[in-house]
Amino acid sequence: MSTSFEEILLSRSYTFIVGAEAVPITVHEATLADQSPGLKALMRTEMSEGLAREASWEDVDKETFMRFAQFAYIGDYSIPTMIVRPSAPTADERPRPSSPGFFMPSDEWTANKAGKKHAYPRPVPVSKTIPIFKDLIYPRPMPQFNFEGTYNPKAGDGLGENIGEILHIYGSLYVLAEKWGVDRLKRLTHFKVHKTLSLFSLDTLRVEDVVDFVRYVYSERTPDLESTVDELRELVRQYIVANAEFTSRNATF
């Protein structure tokens, strides 16, 4: 976004009529118009949409548009935490019992055993515990916004999984970005899809959610390119190949 924050705040308002429920959502014109040439042509044209400062987006639901607007204003969008039920550990992952009768003696035990005067470790000299001032590290805080949800894909425990919901959020945003040429939103969503698919193991209980996402991605919503493959389609293909041991034996694939 090349527009300054001042220009955004001082720009005129523009209203989108969103979804089948025709929900009116008003934004600063400069925020969305500068996202792509297509949006600029829509919002700043001398045609009816530009003159009326209003456009109808019936094919975009309210939640998708709200996340798109959030991205346009701050460069990111929030999503719910993905709920993933813990999987049963495999035989290799189960902890092995320690060998009976074998342990590593502690320093205190060996010191007492040898009859030494110091039963506890010697204190570290104070000079070694005080770091040099210039070597102090203060982590740079990430931007914080008072919005519900999270920006970084992450998984949490819960009773009911919502993997399908999260994948649908990404899919609908990617389709919107593809239609209007918002390349930064496409790249961000592409990144988040990859991170999200890496947060859980594909199994029989989750395959339906993933298959629905694959069908959505390979539908007419994403383009059939002549010389290359759409980036999200290619990512999904790589995911299926990476899980070939499971997907090759599942009839839904």
Protein backbone atom coordinates (compact mmCIF):
# COMPACT_ATOMS: atom_id res chain seq x y z
CA MET A 1 0.00 0.00 0.00
CA SER A 2 1.66 3.21 -1.18
CA THR A 3 -0.95 5.60 0.22
CA SER A 4 -0.05 7.43 3.42
CA PHE A 5 -2.17 6.97 6.52
CA GLU A 6 -3.23 10.61 6.33
CA GLU A 7 -4.47 10.15 2.78
CA ILE A 8 -6.47 7.13 3.87
CA LEU A 9 -8.21 8.94 6.71
CA LEU A 10 -8.98 11.96 4.55
CA SER A 11 -10.24 9.97 1.57
CA ARG A 12 -13.93 9.83 0.84
CA SER A 13 -16.11 6.99 2.09
CA TYR A 14 -17.18 4.11 -0.12
CA THR A 15 -19.88 1.54 0.61
CA PHE A 16 -19.96 -2.10 -0.41
CA ILE A 17 -23.27 -3.96 -0.36
CA VAL A 18 -22.09 -7.41 0.64
CA GLY A 19 -23.55 -10.90 0.37
CA ALA A 20 -27.04 -12.23 -0.20
CA GLU A 21 -28.23 -10.29 2.85
CA ALA A 22 -27.08 -7.01 1.23
CA VAL A 23 -25.12 -5.83 4.28
CA PRO A 24 -23.76 -2.28 3.77
CA ILE A 25 -20.13 -1.86 4.86
CA THR A 26 -18.43 1.52 4.50
CA VAL A 27 -14.66 1.93 4.19
CA HIS A 28 -12.20 4.65 3.31
CA GLU A 29 -11.93 4.66 -0.47
CA ALA A 30 -8.12 4.88 -0.54
CA THR A 31 -7.76 1.78 1.62
CA LEU A 32 -9.26 -0.63 -0.90
CA ALA A 33 -8.74 1.32 -4.13
CA ASP A 34 -4.96 1.09 -3.78
CA GLN A 35 -4.97 -2.69 -3.33
CA SER A 36 -5.11 -3.42 -7.07
CA PRO A 37 -5.74 -1.79 -10.46
CA GLY A 38 -9.08 -3.59 -10.64
CA LEU A 39 -10.33 -2.10 -7.39
CA LYS A 40 -9.03 1.31 -8.36
CA ALA A 41 -10.98 1.14 -11.61
CA LEU A 42 -14.12 0.08 -9.75
CA MET A 43 -14.03 2.69 -7.02
CA ARG A 44 -12.61 5.70 -8.86
CA THR A 45 -14.27 5.31 -12.20
CA GLU A 46 -16.66 7.77 -13.79
CA MET A 47 -19.16 4.94 -14.16
CA SER A 48 -22.07 4.36 -11.80
CA GLU A 49 -20.07 2.60 -9.04
CA GLY A 50 -17.55 5.41 -8.84
CA LEU A 51 -20.07 8.23 -8.98
CA ALA A 52 -22.41 6.64 -6.46
CA ARG A 53 -19.49 5.54 -4.26
CA GLU A 54 -21.22 2.20 -3.87
CA ALA A 55 -20.74 -1.30 -5.29
CA SER A 56 -22.66 -4.54 -4.86
CA TRP A 57 -20.67 -7.69 -4.06
CA GLU A 58 -23.31 -10.38 -3.79
CA ASP A 59 -20.77 -13.19 -4.29
CA VAL A 60 -18.74 -12.21 -1.20
CA ASP A 61 -20.11 -13.03 2.25
CA LYS A 62 -19.86 -10.56 5.11
CA GLU A 63 -17.15 -12.45 7.05
CA THR A 64 -14.89 -12.68 4.00
CA PHE A 65 -15.28 -9.00 3.22
CA MET A 66 -14.59 -8.00 6.83
CA ARG A 67 -11.32 -9.92 6.78
CA PHE A 68 -10.43 -8.41 3.42
CA ALA A 69 -11.07 -4.92 4.79
CA GLN A 70 -9.01 -5.73 7.88
CA PHE A 71 -6.15 -6.81 5.62
CA ALA A 72 -6.48 -3.61 3.56
CA TYR A 73 -6.20 -1.45 6.67
CA ILE A 74 -3.47 -3.24 8.65
CA GLY A 75 -1.87 -5.73 6.27
CA ASP A 76 -3.16 -8.88 7.97
CA TYR A 77 -6.40 -10.54 9.01
CA SER A 78 -7.43 -12.47 12.10
CA ILE A 79 -8.88 -15.97 12.19
CA PRO A 80 -10.17 -18.23 14.96
CA THR A 81 -7.75 -20.62 16.61
CA MET A 82 -7.93 -23.97 14.86
CA ILE A 83 -9.19 -26.67 17.22
CA VAL A 84 -7.40 -30.00 16.76
CA ARG A 85 -8.11 -33.01 18.95
CA PRO A 86 -4.90 -34.68 20.13
CA SER A 87 -4.13 -37.81 18.14
CA ALA A 88 -3.26 -41.06 19.89
CA PRO A 89 0.53 -41.46 20.04
CA THR A 90 2.12 -44.10 17.85
CA ALA A 91 4.35 -46.86 19.18
CA ASP A 92 7.43 -44.83 18.32
CA GLU A 93 6.08 -41.75 20.11
CA ARG A 94 5.16 -43.48 23.39
CA PRO A 95 7.65 -42.81 26.20
CA ARG A 96 9.90 -45.72 27.01
CA PRO A 97 10.39 -46.74 30.65
CA SER A 98 13.79 -46.03 32.07
CA SER A 99 16.12 -48.94 32.67
CA PRO A 100 15.71 -50.24 36.26
CA GLY A 101 18.59 -49.87 38.61
CA PHE A 102 20.41 -47.23 36.57
CA PHE A 103 20.53 -43.53 37.26
CA MET A 104 22.92 -40.62 36.99
CA PRO A 105 23.97 -39.45 40.47
CA SER A 106 23.58 -35.78 41.20
CA ASP A 107 26.45 -33.49 42.13
CA GLU A 108 25.13 -33.21 45.68
CA TRP A 109 25.05 -36.99 46.11
CA THR A 110 28.55 -37.52 44.79
CA ALA A 111 29.87 -34.67 46.92
CA ASN A 112 28.40 -36.16 50.09
CA LYS A 113 29.47 -39.64 49.12
CA ALA A 114 33.05 -38.57 48.81
CA GLY A 115 32.87 -36.81 52.15
CA LYS A 116 33.69 -33.44 50.69
CA LYS A 117 33.00 -30.25 52.56
CA HIS A 118 30.73 -28.72 49.88
CA ALA A 119 27.51 -30.72 49.58
CA TYR A 120 26.00 -28.24 47.09
CA PRO A 121 27.35 -26.71 43.90
CA ARG A 122 29.58 -23.70 44.38
CA PRO A 123 27.85 -20.37 43.61
CA VAL A 124 28.79 -18.76 40.33
CA PRO A 125 30.87 -15.60 40.80
CA VAL A 126 28.71 -12.48 40.63
CA SER A 127 30.80 -11.00 37.85
CA LYS A 128 29.75 -13.81 35.52
CA THR A 129 26.03 -13.32 36.15
CA ILE A 130 25.94 -9.65 35.12
CA PRO A 131 25.83 -9.34 31.32
CA ILE A 132 27.54 -6.54 29.47
CA PHE A 133 25.04 -3.75 28.87
CA LYS A 134 25.46 -3.67 25.10
CA ASP A 135 24.78 -7.41 24.95
CA LEU A 136 21.36 -7.11 26.57
CA ILE A 137 18.60 -8.32 24.28
CA TYR A 138 15.13 -6.82 24.26
CA PRO A 139 12.89 -8.58 21.73
CA ARG A 140 11.08 -6.26 19.39
CA PRO A 141 7.35 -6.42 20.15
CA MET A 142 5.10 -7.44 17.32
CA PRO A 143 2.27 -5.05 16.38
CA GLN A 144 -0.71 -5.66 18.60
CA PHE A 145 -4.29 -4.93 17.67
CA ASN A 146 -7.32 -5.21 19.87
CA PHE A 147 -9.11 -7.63 17.57
CA GLU A 148 -10.52 -11.01 18.45
CA GLY A 149 -8.74 -13.98 16.92
CA THR A 150 -5.19 -14.63 15.92
CA TYR A 151 -3.07 -13.58 12.96
CA ASN A 152 -0.59 -16.46 13.04
CA PRO A 153 -2.08 -19.87 12.26
CA LYS A 154 -2.02 -22.00 15.40
CA ALA A 155 -3.81 -24.98 16.84
CA GLY A 156 -5.48 -25.43 20.21
CA ASP A 157 -7.20 -28.25 22.08
CA GLY A 158 -10.97 -28.59 22.16
CA LEU A 159 -13.90 -30.94 21.79
CA GLY A 160 -14.98 -30.13 18.25
CA GLU A 161 -12.49 -29.55 15.46
CA ASN A 162 -13.00 -26.56 13.13
CA ILE A 163 -10.44 -27.39 10.46
CA GLY A 164 -13.04 -27.11 7.71
CA GLU A 165 -14.08 -23.64 8.87
CA ILE A 166 -10.49 -22.37 8.87
CA LEU A 167 -9.74 -23.77 5.42
CA HIS A 168 -12.94 -22.22 4.04
CA ILE A 169 -11.87 -18.81 5.37
CA TYR A 170 -8.60 -19.09 3.48
CA GLY A 171 -10.26 -20.37 0.33
CA SER A 172 -12.81 -17.57 0.13
CA LEU A 173 -10.16 -14.90 0.73
CA TYR A 174 -7.89 -16.38 -1.92
CA VAL A 175 -10.72 -16.43 -4.45
CA LEU A 176 -11.53 -12.77 -3.72
CA ALA A 177 -7.87 -11.82 -4.06
CA GLU A 178 -7.57 -13.75 -7.32
CA LYS A 179 -10.67 -12.14 -8.81
CA TRP A 180 -9.57 -8.58 -8.02
CA GLY A 181 -5.83 -9.03 -8.46
CA VAL A 182 -4.82 -8.38 -4.85
CA ASP A 183 -1.47 -10.15 -5.05
CA ARG A 184 -0.34 -9.38 -1.49
CA LEU A 185 -3.47 -10.98 -0.07
CA LYS A 186 -2.94 -14.03 -2.29
CA ARG A 187 0.62 -14.47 -1.07
CA LEU A 188 -0.38 -14.03 2.58
CA THR A 189 -3.22 -16.53 2.30
CA HIS A 190 -1.01 -18.97 0.43
CA PHE A 191 1.46 -18.77 3.33
CA LYS A 192 -1.25 -19.29 5.95
CA VAL A 193 -2.74 -22.29 4.15
CA HIS A 194 0.64 -24.00 4.13
CA LYS A 195 1.20 -23.28 7.84
CA THR A 196 -2.29 -24.49 8.73
CA LEU A 197 -2.04 -27.75 6.79
CA SER A 198 1.22 -28.40 8.64
CA LEU A 199 -0.45 -28.13 12.06
CA PHE A 200 -2.35 -31.42 11.95
CA SER A 201 -1.95 -34.98 10.70
CA LEU A 202 -4.24 -36.16 7.93
CA ASP A 203 -6.39 -39.07 9.05
CA THR A 204 -9.80 -40.60 8.42
CA LEU A 205 -11.60 -38.15 10.72
CA ARG A 206 -10.14 -35.08 8.98
CA VAL A 207 -10.15 -36.24 5.39
CA GLU A 208 -13.63 -34.85 4.64
CA ASP A 209 -12.58 -31.32 5.60
CA VAL A 210 -9.49 -31.53 3.42
CA VAL A 211 -11.38 -33.03 0.47
CA ASP A 212 -13.97 -30.24 0.64
CA PHE A 213 -11.13 -27.71 0.55
CA VAL A 214 -9.52 -29.47 -2.42
CA ARG A 215 -12.83 -29.41 -4.31
CA TYR A 216 -13.25 -25.72 -3.54
CA VAL A 217 -9.74 -24.93 -4.74
CA TYR A 218 -10.12 -26.95 -7.95
CA SER A 219 -13.56 -25.55 -8.78
CA GLU A 220 -14.26 -22.79 -11.25
CA ARG A 221 -13.52 -20.30 -8.47
CA THR A 222 -9.80 -20.52 -9.20
CA PRO A 223 -8.46 -20.04 -12.74
CA ASP A 224 -7.36 -22.68 -15.24
CA LEU A 225 -4.06 -21.16 -16.35
CA GLU A 226 -2.66 -22.02 -19.78
CA SER A 227 1.07 -22.32 -19.09
CA THR A 228 1.24 -22.63 -15.29
CA VAL A 229 -0.84 -23.92 -12.39
CA ASP A 230 -2.61 -21.67 -9.91
CA GLU A 231 -0.44 -21.33 -6.81
CA LEU A 232 -3.07 -22.57 -4.37
CA ARG A 233 -3.88 -25.55 -6.57
CA GLU A 234 -0.19 -26.39 -6.73
CA LEU A 235 0.12 -26.15 -2.95
CA VAL A 236 -2.82 -28.53 -2.52
CA ARG A 237 -1.29 -30.95 -5.04
CA GLN A 238 1.97 -30.98 -3.11
CA TYR A 239 0.05 -31.62 0.11
CA ILE A 240 -1.72 -34.62 -1.42
CA VAL A 241 1.58 -36.01 -2.70
CA ALA A 242 3.25 -35.46 0.67
CA ASN A 243 0.47 -37.52 2.27
CA ALA A 244 0.45 -40.13 -0.50
CA GLU A 245 0.62 -43.01 1.98
CA PHE A 246 -2.84 -41.98 3.18
CA THR A 247 -4.38 -40.28 0.12
CA SER A 248 -3.50 -43.14 -2.27
CA ARG A 249 -5.55 -45.55 -0.14
CA ASN A 250 -8.52 -43.20 0.33
CA ALA A 251 -11.29 -43.39 -2.25
CA THR A 252 -12.26 -39.72 -1.86
CA PHE A 253 -8.98 -38.64 -3.46
